Amino acid sequence: MNLNNNAKKRETWVDVAKLIGIIAIVYGHTIQIGITCQYVYSFHVPLFFFLQGVVFSISCSETKSFSKYLKHKAYTLLLPYLCFSAVSTLIIFIVSRFISIPQTDIFSSIPHVILSLIFGKCEANDPLWFLPCLFVQSILVYGLIKCCSRCKNRVCKISLLLIVAILSSIILYITEEFTNIKFLPWKIDAAIHMIPFFVVGYIFKEYGLLRKLFDARIWIKIIIIVVFIGSGAILGLLNGKSNYLGNYYDNVFLMYVSALLSCLGYCIIAFDLTTVSILPAMGQKTLSILLMHKFPIVVFQYVITPTKILLNEPNILVGLIVTIVSIGACLVANWILERIAPFSVGKRLKKI
């Protein structure tokens, strides 16, 4: 999913769902330990890949040439990655001269830093791994949908999508177990592992299953939300903390089931929150929050002594406050960047 997707008919609930996902990501990076951190890690990254499947336009993949599709994804995903990788590395290098932070160690080998950036891993700003990974998956699903679209029978096409998604993930998992491979360039491994979420999201859009959930009676929706999110939380906590960058999911089956249940539950909540106009607007800035939230968090974790102590406990309330403040700071920075360097956040300069 292009985090700054401008579809002709924008699904505002998707923007709200993206906001829920990015709040979970920022909170998880703020607290880092504890039961609440473990829970948000069980679904926050899969939610974005699920939403990619929901909003993916097959008509776009059939009518737009691959070269145009590739250029669009490179501009909206890779260009922001390159810009903020360079900026993040420079900032951490300067800051590390004055403050002791974990990222200081990365500069012991400059060639390693450069090589990591080329391979899609910014040591100075870990969350940026998501962008090359999303780019890779966008290319993979383009080809997958293109091939499966040749099958005119919809049931056959969906079945083929599921089989390819599940088999590719199983083959990769078995390969990792026997070879101990934990990081492929541009997180191709994570991109493949997340394809089942894309496919399920696509199926729910293709068959209108999400709309049926959205249009259900309020008491039925409440029951569904409680059951889905509750079950997802229980299974996610039983499974342990997933590490998408480190490619560690513990029990893969539990990871998939718990994440999908949570994704569906939060999508229903997102649909009912679209009437709060500020939420979709904030959700459209998800990319900028992803790019920049690491910086305010580092300040709270290593510079400000009171929050540094409280976040190590961990303190849930302080974690939520830091999350809100960090997102607010990112939105302010985004407002500035959209006007002076829109390309850095995947936007194009508006013509006057």
Protein backbone atom coordinates (compact mmCIF):
# COMPACT_ATOMS: atom_id res chain seq x y z
CA MET A 1 0.00 0.00 0.00
CA ASN A 2 1.28 3.36 -0.92
CA LEU A 3 1.11 5.22 2.37
CA ASN A 4 0.13 8.37 0.51
CA ASN A 5 -2.31 6.68 -1.88
CA ASN A 6 -4.51 9.18 -3.73
CA ALA A 7 -7.24 7.02 -5.20
CA LYS A 8 -10.02 8.63 -7.20
CA LYS A 9 -12.48 7.46 -4.59
CA ARG A 10 -10.66 7.50 -1.32
CA GLU A 11 -11.84 5.11 1.36
CA THR A 12 -11.59 7.35 4.43
CA TRP A 13 -11.92 4.43 6.82
CA VAL A 14 -8.63 3.08 5.41
CA ASP A 15 -6.94 6.33 6.48
CA VAL A 16 -8.34 5.88 9.99
CA ALA A 17 -7.12 2.26 10.04
CA LYS A 18 -3.67 3.47 8.95
CA LEU A 19 -3.73 5.95 11.82
CA ILE A 20 -4.53 3.15 14.26
CA GLY A 21 -1.65 1.15 12.81
CA ILE A 22 0.90 3.96 13.04
CA ILE A 23 -0.16 4.80 16.61
CA ALA A 24 0.49 1.15 17.50
CA ILE A 25 3.90 1.29 15.77
CA VAL A 26 4.97 4.49 17.53
CA TYR A 27 3.75 3.17 20.89
CA GLY A 28 5.62 -0.12 20.37
CA HIS A 29 8.83 1.76 19.58
CA THR A 30 8.29 3.96 22.64
CA ILE A 31 7.68 1.28 25.28
CA GLN A 32 9.67 -1.59 23.67
CA ILE A 33 8.95 -4.01 26.54
CA GLY A 34 5.90 -5.23 28.44
CA ILE A 35 2.60 -6.88 27.61
CA THR A 36 1.11 -3.90 25.75
CA CYS A 37 4.19 -3.66 23.53
CA GLN A 38 3.98 -7.36 22.78
CA TYR A 39 0.33 -6.96 21.84
CA VAL A 40 0.75 -4.06 19.38
CA TYR A 41 3.63 -5.92 17.75
CA SER A 42 1.24 -8.79 17.03
CA PHE A 43 -0.73 -6.77 14.47
CA HIS A 44 0.63 -3.30 13.63
CA VAL A 45 2.81 -4.18 10.62
CA PRO A 46 0.41 -6.85 9.21
CA LEU A 47 -2.39 -4.25 9.35
CA PHE A 48 -0.64 -2.12 6.71
CA PHE A 49 -0.15 -5.08 4.38
CA PHE A 50 -3.78 -6.11 4.91
CA LEU A 51 -4.86 -2.57 3.96
CA GLN A 52 -2.63 -2.75 0.88
CA GLY A 53 -4.75 -5.66 -0.30
CA VAL A 54 -7.96 -3.81 0.51
CA VAL A 55 -7.14 -0.72 -1.54
CA PHE A 56 -5.22 -2.41 -4.34
CA SER A 57 -6.86 -1.56 -7.67
CA ILE A 58 -6.66 -4.40 -10.15
CA SER A 59 -7.83 -2.05 -12.90
CA CYS A 60 -4.79 0.08 -12.14
CA SER A 61 -2.46 -2.90 -12.43
CA GLU A 62 -4.04 -3.88 -15.75
CA THR A 63 -4.11 -0.45 -17.39
CA LYS A 64 -0.99 1.21 -16.03
CA SER A 65 2.26 0.04 -17.59
CA PHE A 66 4.78 -1.62 -15.32
CA SER A 67 7.29 1.18 -15.92
CA LYS A 68 4.82 3.86 -14.76
CA TYR A 69 3.81 1.73 -11.80
CA LEU A 70 7.46 1.22 -10.89
CA LYS A 71 8.27 4.94 -11.15
CA HIS A 72 5.29 5.84 -8.97
CA LYS A 73 6.29 3.38 -6.25
CA ALA A 74 9.92 4.45 -6.41
CA TYR A 75 8.94 8.12 -5.99
CA THR A 76 6.53 7.55 -3.12
CA LEU A 77 8.50 4.87 -1.26
CA LEU A 78 12.17 4.70 -2.23
CA LEU A 79 12.81 8.44 -2.55
CA PRO A 80 11.55 9.17 1.01
CA TYR A 81 13.61 6.19 2.23
CA LEU A 82 16.80 7.54 0.63
CA CYS A 83 16.17 11.09 1.83
CA PHE A 84 15.50 10.16 5.43
CA SER A 85 18.19 7.49 5.54
CA ALA A 86 20.75 10.14 4.66
CA VAL A 87 19.27 12.74 7.03
CA SER A 88 18.85 10.23 9.88
CA THR A 89 22.42 8.99 9.56
CA LEU A 90 23.76 12.55 9.60
CA ILE A 91 21.62 13.56 12.60
CA ILE A 92 22.56 10.49 14.65
CA PHE A 93 26.22 10.98 13.78
CA ILE A 94 26.13 14.58 15.07
CA VAL A 95 24.00 13.82 18.14
CA SER A 96 26.14 10.82 19.11
CA ARG A 97 29.11 13.19 19.54
CA PHE A 98 27.32 14.72 22.54
CA ILE A 99 24.84 12.12 23.83
CA SER A 100 25.29 8.41 24.48
CA ILE A 101 22.69 6.51 22.46
CA PRO A 102 22.64 2.90 21.18
CA GLN A 103 22.96 4.01 17.54
CA THR A 104 26.46 5.36 18.27
CA ASP A 105 27.96 1.91 17.66
CA ILE A 106 26.95 1.87 14.00
CA PHE A 107 29.68 4.36 13.10
CA SER A 108 32.46 1.97 14.11
CA SER A 109 32.31 0.73 10.52
CA ILE A 110 31.35 3.32 7.90
CA PRO A 111 31.37 0.77 5.03
CA HIS A 112 28.86 -1.28 7.04
CA VAL A 113 26.59 1.77 7.40
CA ILE A 114 26.69 2.46 3.66
CA LEU A 115 26.16 -1.20 2.75
CA SER A 116 23.20 -1.43 5.14
CA LEU A 117 21.58 1.61 3.53
CA ILE A 118 21.98 0.07 0.08
CA PHE A 119 20.45 -3.19 1.30
CA GLY A 120 17.41 -1.39 2.73
CA LYS A 121 18.30 -1.16 6.40
CA CYS A 122 18.99 2.24 7.92
CA GLU A 123 20.87 1.59 11.18
CA ALA A 124 20.22 5.17 12.32
CA ASN A 125 16.45 4.92 11.80
CA ASP A 126 15.25 1.31 12.01
CA PRO A 127 11.58 1.88 11.04
CA LEU A 128 12.67 2.88 7.54
CA TRP A 129 13.14 -0.81 6.64
CA PHE A 130 9.40 -0.87 6.02
CA LEU A 131 9.63 1.29 2.87
CA PRO A 132 11.98 -0.88 0.74
CA CYS A 133 10.03 -3.90 1.98
CA LEU A 134 6.74 -2.30 0.91
CA PHE A 135 8.27 -1.41 -2.46
CA VAL A 136 9.37 -5.02 -3.00
CA GLN A 137 5.95 -6.37 -2.05
CA SER A 138 4.22 -3.85 -4.32
CA ILE A 139 6.22 -5.26 -7.24
CA LEU A 140 5.55 -8.86 -6.20
CA VAL A 141 1.79 -8.40 -5.86
CA TYR A 142 1.64 -6.48 -9.14
CA GLY A 143 3.05 -9.53 -10.88
CA LEU A 144 0.92 -11.90 -8.82
CA ILE A 145 -2.33 -10.09 -9.59
CA LYS A 146 -1.30 -9.69 -13.23
CA CYS A 147 -0.79 -13.44 -13.61
CA CYS A 148 -3.90 -14.43 -11.65
CA SER A 149 -6.09 -11.95 -13.56
CA ARG A 150 -5.76 -14.24 -16.59
CA CYS A 151 -8.06 -16.63 -14.76
CA LYS A 152 -11.57 -15.32 -15.56
CA ASN A 153 -13.32 -17.33 -12.86
CA ARG A 154 -13.20 -15.24 -9.68
CA VAL A 155 -13.24 -18.20 -7.30
CA CYS A 156 -10.41 -19.82 -9.24
CA LYS A 157 -8.44 -16.56 -9.20
CA ILE A 158 -8.85 -16.07 -5.45
CA SER A 159 -7.96 -19.73 -4.76
CA LEU A 160 -4.82 -19.36 -6.86
CA LEU A 161 -3.85 -16.20 -4.98
CA LEU A 162 -4.25 -17.96 -1.63
CA ILE A 163 -2.28 -21.02 -2.73
CA VAL A 164 0.62 -18.94 -4.06
CA ALA A 165 0.67 -16.71 -0.96
CA ILE A 166 0.60 -19.60 1.51
CA LEU A 167 3.09 -21.77 -0.37
CA SER A 168 5.58 -18.93 -0.83
CA SER A 169 5.48 -18.17 2.88
CA ILE A 170 5.85 -21.84 3.84
CA ILE A 171 8.78 -22.36 1.47
CA LEU A 172 10.52 -19.24 2.78
CA TYR A 173 9.92 -20.29 6.40
CA ILE A 174 11.39 -23.76 5.80
CA THR A 175 14.37 -22.21 3.98
CA GLU A 176 15.01 -19.85 6.88
CA GLU A 177 14.87 -22.70 9.39
CA PHE A 178 17.51 -24.72 7.54
CA THR A 179 19.77 -21.88 6.39
CA ASN A 180 19.40 -19.47 9.35
CA ILE A 181 18.78 -16.59 6.91
CA LYS A 182 17.30 -13.68 8.85
CA PHE A 183 17.78 -10.70 6.57
CA LEU A 184 17.53 -10.49 2.80
CA PRO A 185 18.15 -7.27 0.83
CA TRP A 186 15.25 -4.81 1.05
CA LYS A 187 13.54 -7.23 3.45
CA ILE A 188 12.37 -9.47 0.62
CA ASP A 189 11.81 -12.13 3.28
CA ALA A 190 9.33 -9.97 5.25
CA ALA A 191 7.66 -8.89 2.00
CA ILE A 192 6.96 -12.55 1.16
CA HIS A 193 5.84 -13.39 4.70
CA MET A 194 3.34 -10.51 4.57
CA ILE A 195 1.80 -11.47 1.19
CA PRO A 196 -0.95 -13.60 2.87
CA PHE A 197 -2.20 -10.46 4.63
CA PHE A 198 -2.36 -8.65 1.29
CA VAL A 199 -4.24 -11.54 -0.31
CA VAL A 200 -6.80 -11.79 2.52
CA GLY A 201 -7.32 -8.02 2.39
CA TYR A 202 -7.80 -8.25 -1.36
CA ILE A 203 -10.30 -11.10 -1.00
CA PHE A 204 -12.33 -9.18 1.59
CA LYS A 205 -12.49 -6.26 -0.86
CA GLU A 206 -13.20 -8.42 -3.91
CA TYR A 207 -16.13 -10.23 -2.28
CA GLY A 208 -17.44 -7.24 -0.32
CA LEU A 209 -16.97 -9.06 2.99
CA LEU A 210 -15.72 -5.97 4.81
CA ARG A 211 -18.80 -4.03 3.67
CA LYS A 212 -20.99 -6.73 5.19
CA LEU A 213 -19.17 -6.34 8.50
CA PHE A 214 -19.44 -2.55 8.30
CA ASP A 215 -23.18 -2.65 7.57
CA ALA A 216 -24.04 -5.09 10.37
CA ARG A 217 -26.24 -3.97 13.25
CA ILE A 218 -24.43 -2.10 15.97
CA TRP A 219 -24.79 -4.83 18.60
CA ILE A 220 -23.49 -7.45 16.16
CA LYS A 221 -20.52 -5.24 15.30
CA ILE A 222 -19.72 -4.79 18.98
CA ILE A 223 -19.71 -8.55 19.50
CA ILE A 224 -17.54 -9.08 16.41
CA ILE A 225 -15.06 -6.40 17.50
CA VAL A 226 -14.77 -7.82 21.01
CA VAL A 227 -14.37 -11.40 19.74
CA PHE A 228 -11.90 -10.55 16.96
CA ILE A 229 -9.69 -8.14 18.90
CA GLY A 230 -9.96 -10.16 22.11
CA SER A 231 -9.05 -13.42 20.36
CA GLY A 232 -6.28 -11.68 18.42
CA ALA A 233 -4.83 -10.28 21.64
CA ILE A 234 -4.93 -13.62 23.46
CA LEU A 235 -3.34 -15.52 20.58
CA GLY A 236 -0.79 -12.75 20.02
CA LEU A 237 0.26 -12.77 23.67
CA LEU A 238 0.45 -16.56 23.70
CA ASN A 239 2.68 -16.46 20.65
CA GLY A 240 5.16 -13.92 22.02
CA LYS A 241 6.56 -10.73 20.50
CA SER A 242 6.95 -10.75 16.73
CA ASN A 243 10.00 -9.04 15.26
CA TYR A 244 9.37 -8.13 11.63
CA LEU A 245 12.77 -6.54 11.08
CA GLY A 246 14.55 -9.50 12.70
CA ASN A 247 12.25 -11.93 10.88
CA TYR A 248 11.21 -13.68 14.11
CA TYR A 249 7.56 -14.73 14.48
CA ASP A 250 7.77 -17.67 16.93
CA ASN A 251 4.70 -19.75 15.95
CA VAL A 252 3.95 -18.55 12.40
CA PHE A 253 0.42 -19.98 12.40
CA LEU A 254 -0.50 -18.11 15.58
CA MET A 255 1.10 -14.96 14.17
CA TYR A 256 -1.08 -15.06 11.05
CA VAL A 257 -4.33 -15.88 12.85
CA SER A 258 -3.89 -13.38 15.70
CA ALA A 259 -2.87 -10.57 13.32
CA LEU A 260 -5.76 -11.19 10.90
CA LEU A 261 -8.32 -11.19 13.71
CA SER A 262 -6.96 -7.93 15.10
CA CYS A 263 -6.81 -6.38 11.61
CA LEU A 264 -10.48 -7.15 10.97
CA GLY A 265 -11.53 -5.84 14.38
CA TYR A 266 -9.66 -2.55 13.98
CA CYS A 267 -10.97 -2.08 10.44
CA ILE A 268 -14.52 -2.19 11.78
CA ILE A 269 -13.61 0.36 14.45
CA ALA A 270 -11.93 2.54 11.82
CA PHE A 271 -15.07 2.53 9.68
CA ASP A 272 -17.17 3.84 12.58
CA LEU A 273 -14.64 6.56 13.38
CA THR A 274 -14.66 8.17 9.93
CA THR A 275 -17.19 10.74 11.13
CA VAL A 276 -14.41 12.30 13.22
CA SER A 277 -12.98 14.31 10.32
CA ILE A 278 -9.56 14.93 11.88
CA LEU A 279 -8.77 11.21 12.02
CA PRO A 280 -8.77 10.49 8.25
CA ALA A 281 -6.75 13.68 7.73
CA MET A 282 -4.14 12.47 10.22
CA GLY A 283 -4.17 9.01 8.66
CA GLN A 284 -3.12 10.50 5.33
CA LYS A 285 0.14 11.61 7.00
CA THR A 286 1.11 8.08 8.01
CA LEU A 287 4.22 8.03 5.83
CA SER A 288 5.62 11.17 7.45
CA ILE A 289 4.99 9.79 10.93
CA LEU A 290 6.78 6.58 9.99
CA LEU A 291 9.75 8.53 8.62
CA MET A 292 10.25 10.85 11.58
CA HIS A 293 8.82 9.39 14.79
CA LYS A 294 12.14 7.85 15.79
CA PHE A 295 13.66 11.27 16.58
CA PRO A 296 11.25 12.56 19.25
CA ILE A 297 11.15 9.08 20.79
CA VAL A 298 14.95 9.03 21.14
CA VAL A 299 14.76 12.38 22.93
CA PHE A 300 12.25 11.01 25.46
CA GLN A 301 14.16 7.73 25.87
CA TYR A 302 17.71 9.05 26.26
CA VAL A 303 17.71 12.82 26.85
CA ILE A 304 14.83 13.71 29.18
CA THR A 305 15.64 11.97 32.47
CA PRO A 306 12.09 11.58 33.94
CA THR A 307 10.67 9.96 30.79
CA LYS A 308 13.85 7.93 30.34
CA ILE A 309 13.28 6.33 33.75
CA LEU A 310 9.53 5.86 33.36
CA LEU A 311 9.75 4.33 29.88
CA ASN A 312 12.19 1.70 31.15
CA GLU A 313 9.68 0.42 33.73
CA PRO A 314 7.58 0.51 31.40
CA ASN A 315 4.90 3.09 32.21
CA ILE A 316 1.88 2.71 29.91
CA LEU A 317 0.45 6.18 30.57
CA VAL A 318 3.78 7.89 29.90
CA GLY A 319 4.19 5.71 26.82
CA LEU A 320 0.83 6.92 25.46
CA ILE A 321 1.67 10.56 26.21
CA VAL A 322 5.06 10.27 24.49
CA THR A 323 3.36 8.56 21.53
CA ILE A 324 0.85 11.41 21.14
CA VAL A 325 3.53 14.10 21.50
CA SER A 326 5.82 12.33 19.02
CA ILE A 327 3.05 12.02 16.43
CA GLY A 328 2.17 15.68 16.94
CA ALA A 329 5.79 16.68 16.34
CA CYS A 330 5.87 14.60 13.15
CA LEU A 331 2.71 16.27 11.85
CA VAL A 332 4.23 19.71 12.42
CA ALA A 333 7.42 18.66 10.62
CA ASN A 334 5.32 17.19 7.80
CA TRP A 335 3.48 20.50 7.34
CA ILE A 336 6.84 22.21 6.84
CA LEU A 337 8.31 19.54 4.54
CA GLU A 338 5.26 19.44 2.28
CA ARG A 339 5.93 23.10 1.52
CA ILE A 340 9.70 23.13 1.13
CA ALA A 341 10.65 19.55 0.17
CA PRO A 342 7.48 17.57 -0.65
CA PHE A 343 9.48 14.84 -2.44
CA SER A 344 11.00 13.82 0.91
CA VAL A 345 7.57 12.70 2.14
CA GLY A 346 6.40 11.17 -1.14
CA LYS A 347 4.49 14.24 -2.33
CA ARG A 348 4.80 16.25 -5.49
CA LEU A 349 5.05 20.04 -5.47
CA LYS A 350 1.59 21.49 -5.95
CA LYS A 351 1.20 23.71 -9.00
CA ILE A 352 -0.03 27.18 -8.21
